[in-house]
C-alpha atoms as a PDB file:
ATOM      1  CA  MET A   1       4.488 -19.365   4.632  1.00  0.00           C
ATOM      2  CA  THR A   2       2.423 -21.311   2.135  1.00  0.00           C
ATOM      3  CA  ASP A   3       1.045 -19.800  -1.059  1.00  0.00           C
ATOM      4  CA  LEU A   4      -2.468 -19.811   0.453  1.00  0.00           C
ATOM      5  CA  GLU A   5      -1.296 -18.045   3.607  1.00  0.00           C
ATOM      6  CA  PHE A   6       0.484 -15.429   1.503  1.00  0.00           C
ATOM      7  CA  LEU A   7      -2.582 -14.837  -0.656  1.00  0.00           C
ATOM      8  CA  ASP A   8      -4.805 -14.533   2.418  1.00  0.00           C
ATOM      9  CA  GLN A   9      -2.539 -11.963   4.080  1.00  0.00           C
ATOM     10  CA  ALA A  10      -1.920 -10.107   0.808  1.00  0.00           C
ATOM     11  CA  GLU A  11      -5.661  -9.916   0.085  1.00  0.00           C
ATOM     12  CA  ARG A  12      -6.210  -8.415   3.539  1.00  0.00           C
ATOM     13  CA  LEU A  13      -3.515  -5.836   2.808  1.00  0.00           C
ATOM     14  CA  LEU A  14      -4.944  -4.818  -0.570  1.00  0.00           C
ATOM     15  CA  ALA A  15      -8.492  -4.633   0.809  1.00  0.00           C
ATOM     16  CA  GLY A  16      -7.151  -2.561   3.711  1.00  0.00           C
ATOM     17  CA  ILE A  17      -5.546  -0.105   1.285  1.00  0.00           C
ATOM     18  CA  GLU A  18      -8.824   0.308  -0.574  1.00  0.00           C
ATOM     19  CA  ASN A  19     -10.793   0.729   2.651  1.00  0.00           C
ATOM     20  CA  SER A  20      -8.295   3.181   4.136  1.00  0.00           C
ATOM     21  CA  CYS A  21      -8.358   5.217   0.940  1.00  0.00           C
ATOM     22  CA  ASP A  22     -12.158   5.340   0.996  1.00  0.00           C
ATOM     23  CA  LEU A  23     -12.113   6.508   4.627  1.00  0.00           C
ATOM     24  CA  LEU A  24      -9.569   9.226   3.840  1.00  0.00           C
ATOM     25  CA  ASN A  25     -11.697  10.423   0.938  1.00  0.00           C
ATOM     26  CA  ASP A  26     -14.797  10.550   3.142  1.00  0.00           C
ATOM     27  CA  ASP A  27     -13.346  11.849   6.412  1.00  0.00           C
ATOM     28  CA  ALA A  28     -10.450  14.055   5.330  1.00  0.00           C
ATOM     29  CA  ASN A  29     -11.948  15.339   2.083  1.00  0.00           C
ATOM     30  CA  VAL A  30      -9.035  13.964   0.088  1.00  0.00           C
ATOM     31  CA  ASP A  31      -9.467  13.051  -3.551  1.00  0.00           C
ATOM     32  CA  ILE A  32      -7.450   9.855  -3.995  1.00  0.00           C
ATOM     33  CA  ASP A  33      -8.592   7.631  -6.828  1.00  0.00           C
ATOM     34  CA  ASN A  34      -7.942   3.974  -6.049  1.00  0.00           C
ATOM     35  CA  GLN A  35      -8.291   1.321  -8.686  1.00  0.00           C
ATOM     36  CA  ARG A  36      -7.724  -2.357  -8.261  1.00  0.00           C
ATOM     37  CA  VAL A  37      -6.993  -4.852 -10.994  1.00  0.00           C
ATOM     38  CA  GLY A  38      -6.298  -8.340  -9.694  1.00  0.00           C
ATOM     39  CA  GLY A  39      -3.318  -8.187  -7.358  1.00  0.00           C
ATOM     40  CA  MET A  40      -2.537  -4.521  -7.990  1.00  0.00           C
ATOM     41  CA  VAL A  41      -3.891  -1.314  -6.450  1.00  0.00           C
ATOM     42  CA  THR A  42      -3.113   2.047  -8.032  1.00  0.00           C
ATOM     43  CA  LEU A  43      -3.581   5.201  -5.974  1.00  0.00           C
ATOM     44  CA  THR A  44      -3.764   8.384  -8.043  1.00  0.00           C
ATOM     45  CA  PHE A  45      -3.542  11.747  -6.306  1.00  0.00           C
ATOM     46  CA  PRO A  46      -5.026  15.059  -7.524  1.00  0.00           C
ATOM     47  CA  ASN A  47      -1.578  16.110  -8.818  1.00  0.00           C
ATOM     48  CA  ARG A  48      -1.652  12.952 -11.012  1.00  0.00           C
ATOM     49  CA  SER A  49       1.191  11.250  -9.164  1.00  0.00           C
ATOM     50  CA  GLN A  50       0.655   7.593  -8.348  1.00  0.00           C
ATOM     51  CA  ILE A  51       1.556   4.922  -5.850  1.00  0.00           C
ATOM     52  CA  ILE A  52       1.265   1.356  -7.059  1.00  0.00           C
ATOM     53  CA  VAL A  53       1.065  -1.667  -4.766  1.00  0.00           C
ATOM     54  CA  ASN A  54       1.228  -5.091  -6.348  1.00  0.00           C
ATOM     55  CA  LEU A  55       1.706  -8.700  -5.347  1.00  0.00           C
ATOM     56  CA  GLN A  56       4.756 -10.724  -6.259  1.00  0.00           C
ATOM     57  CA  LYS A  57       3.278 -14.166  -5.645  1.00  0.00           C
ATOM     58  CA  PRO A  58       6.349 -16.312  -6.424  1.00  0.00           C
ATOM     59  CA  LEU A  59       8.421 -14.300  -3.910  1.00  0.00           C
ATOM     60  CA  HIS A  60       5.628 -13.955  -1.319  1.00  0.00           C
ATOM     61  CA  GLU A  61       6.226 -10.209  -1.391  1.00  0.00           C
ATOM     62  CA  VAL A  62       4.228  -7.045  -1.834  1.00  0.00           C
ATOM     63  CA  TRP A  63       5.914  -4.314  -3.833  1.00  0.00           C
ATOM     64  CA  LEU A  64       5.205  -0.616  -3.456  1.00  0.00           C
ATOM     65  CA  ALA A  65       6.271   1.906  -6.097  1.00  0.00           C
ATOM     66  CA  ALA A  66       6.219   5.610  -5.224  1.00  0.00           C
ATOM     67  CA  ARG A  67       7.954   8.719  -6.558  1.00  0.00           C
ATOM     68  CA  CYS A  68      10.817   8.166  -4.124  1.00  0.00           C
ATOM     69  CA  GLY A  69      11.471   4.576  -5.246  1.00  0.00           C
ATOM     70  CA  GLY A  70      10.401   0.967  -5.072  1.00  0.00           C
ATOM     71  CA  PHE A  71      10.100  -1.101  -1.920  1.00  0.00           C
ATOM     72  CA  HIS A  72       9.550  -4.792  -1.157  1.00  0.00           C
ATOM     73  CA  TYR A  73       7.632  -6.100   1.871  1.00  0.00           C
ATOM     74  CA  LYS A  74       7.344  -9.559   3.425  1.00  0.00           C
ATOM     75  CA  PHE A  75       4.840 -10.645   6.049  1.00  0.00           C
ATOM     76  CA  ASP A  76       6.675 -11.507   9.290  1.00  0.00           C
ATOM     77  CA  GLY A  77       3.693 -13.204  10.931  1.00  0.00           C
ATOM     78  CA  THR A  78       2.384  -9.936  12.361  1.00  0.00           C
ATOM     79  CA  VAL A  79       3.041  -7.055   9.921  1.00  0.00           C
ATOM     80  CA  TRP A  80       4.450  -6.417   6.460  1.00  0.00           C
ATOM     81  CA  GLN A  81       8.092  -5.364   6.866  1.00  0.00           C
ATOM     82  CA  ASP A  82      10.403  -3.825   4.283  1.00  0.00           C
ATOM     83  CA  THR A  83      12.957  -6.419   3.175  1.00  0.00           C
ATOM     84  CA  LYS A  84      15.784  -3.876   3.551  1.00  0.00           C
ATOM     85  CA  GLY A  85      14.822  -2.705   7.031  1.00  0.00           C
ATOM     86  CA  GLN A  86      13.071   0.489   5.931  1.00  0.00           C
ATOM     87  CA  GLY A  87      10.037  -0.024   8.156  1.00  0.00           C
ATOM     88  CA  GLU A  88       6.496  -1.313   8.255  1.00  0.00           C
ATOM     89  CA  PHE A  89       4.164  -1.104   5.233  1.00  0.00           C
ATOM     90  CA  TRP A  90       1.387   1.127   6.644  1.00  0.00           C
ATOM     91  CA  GLN A  91       3.836   3.674   8.035  1.00  0.00           C
ATOM     92  CA  SER A  92       5.675   3.739   4.727  1.00  0.00           C
ATOM     93  CA  LEU A  93       2.501   4.080   2.667  1.00  0.00           C
ATOM     94  CA  SER A  94       1.357   6.967   4.887  1.00  0.00           C
ATOM     95  CA  ARG A  95       4.729   8.722   4.523  1.00  0.00           C
ATOM     96  CA  TYR A  96       4.936   8.323   0.732  1.00  0.00           C
ATOM     97  CA  ALA A  97       1.286   9.278   0.176  1.00  0.00           C
ATOM     98  CA  SER A  98       1.748  12.364   2.359  1.00  0.00           C
ATOM     99  CA  GLU A  99       4.845  13.368   0.385  1.00  0.00           C
ATOM    100  CA  GLN A 100       3.100  12.926  -2.937  1.00  0.00           C
ATOM    101  CA  SER A 101      -0.188  14.561  -1.983  1.00  0.00           C
ATOM    102  CA  GLY A 102       1.330  17.492  -0.105  1.00  0.00           C
ATOM    103  CA  ARG A 103      -0.787  16.878   2.995  1.00  0.00           C
ATOM    104  CA  ALA A 104      -0.607  14.596   6.024  1.00  0.00           C
ATOM    105  CA  LEU A 105      -2.334  11.298   5.308  1.00  0.00           C
ATOM    106  CA  LEU A 106      -2.613   8.348   7.657  1.00  0.00           C
ATOM    107  CA  PHE A 107      -3.298   4.975   6.076  1.00  0.00           C
ATOM    108  CA  LYS A 108      -4.124   2.198   8.514  1.00  0.00           C
ATOM    109  CA  PRO A 109      -5.289  -1.385   8.245  1.00  0.00           C
END
């Protein structure tokens, strides 16, 4: 994957997180604050816990930090997969956000 291909896919991912968060706030009456600064999106939940997603450009990875730990994802040509076999990004984000918010949340691209 070239740097441009990585940046294109990573931009789609970050924009998808923002969009999914906005939809959850509108449709599910959830109050998740999402802020983006460059290649980083911070999700802040009403209980003040956070999930941070940021780009690691030199590695062509996306990193996700949640209460339960930190995770690295690489694009496999179709989806973003955890580098240690822990699953697909959107499923993981939904699981960690649900754990931190105390309610079932479904993030999707």
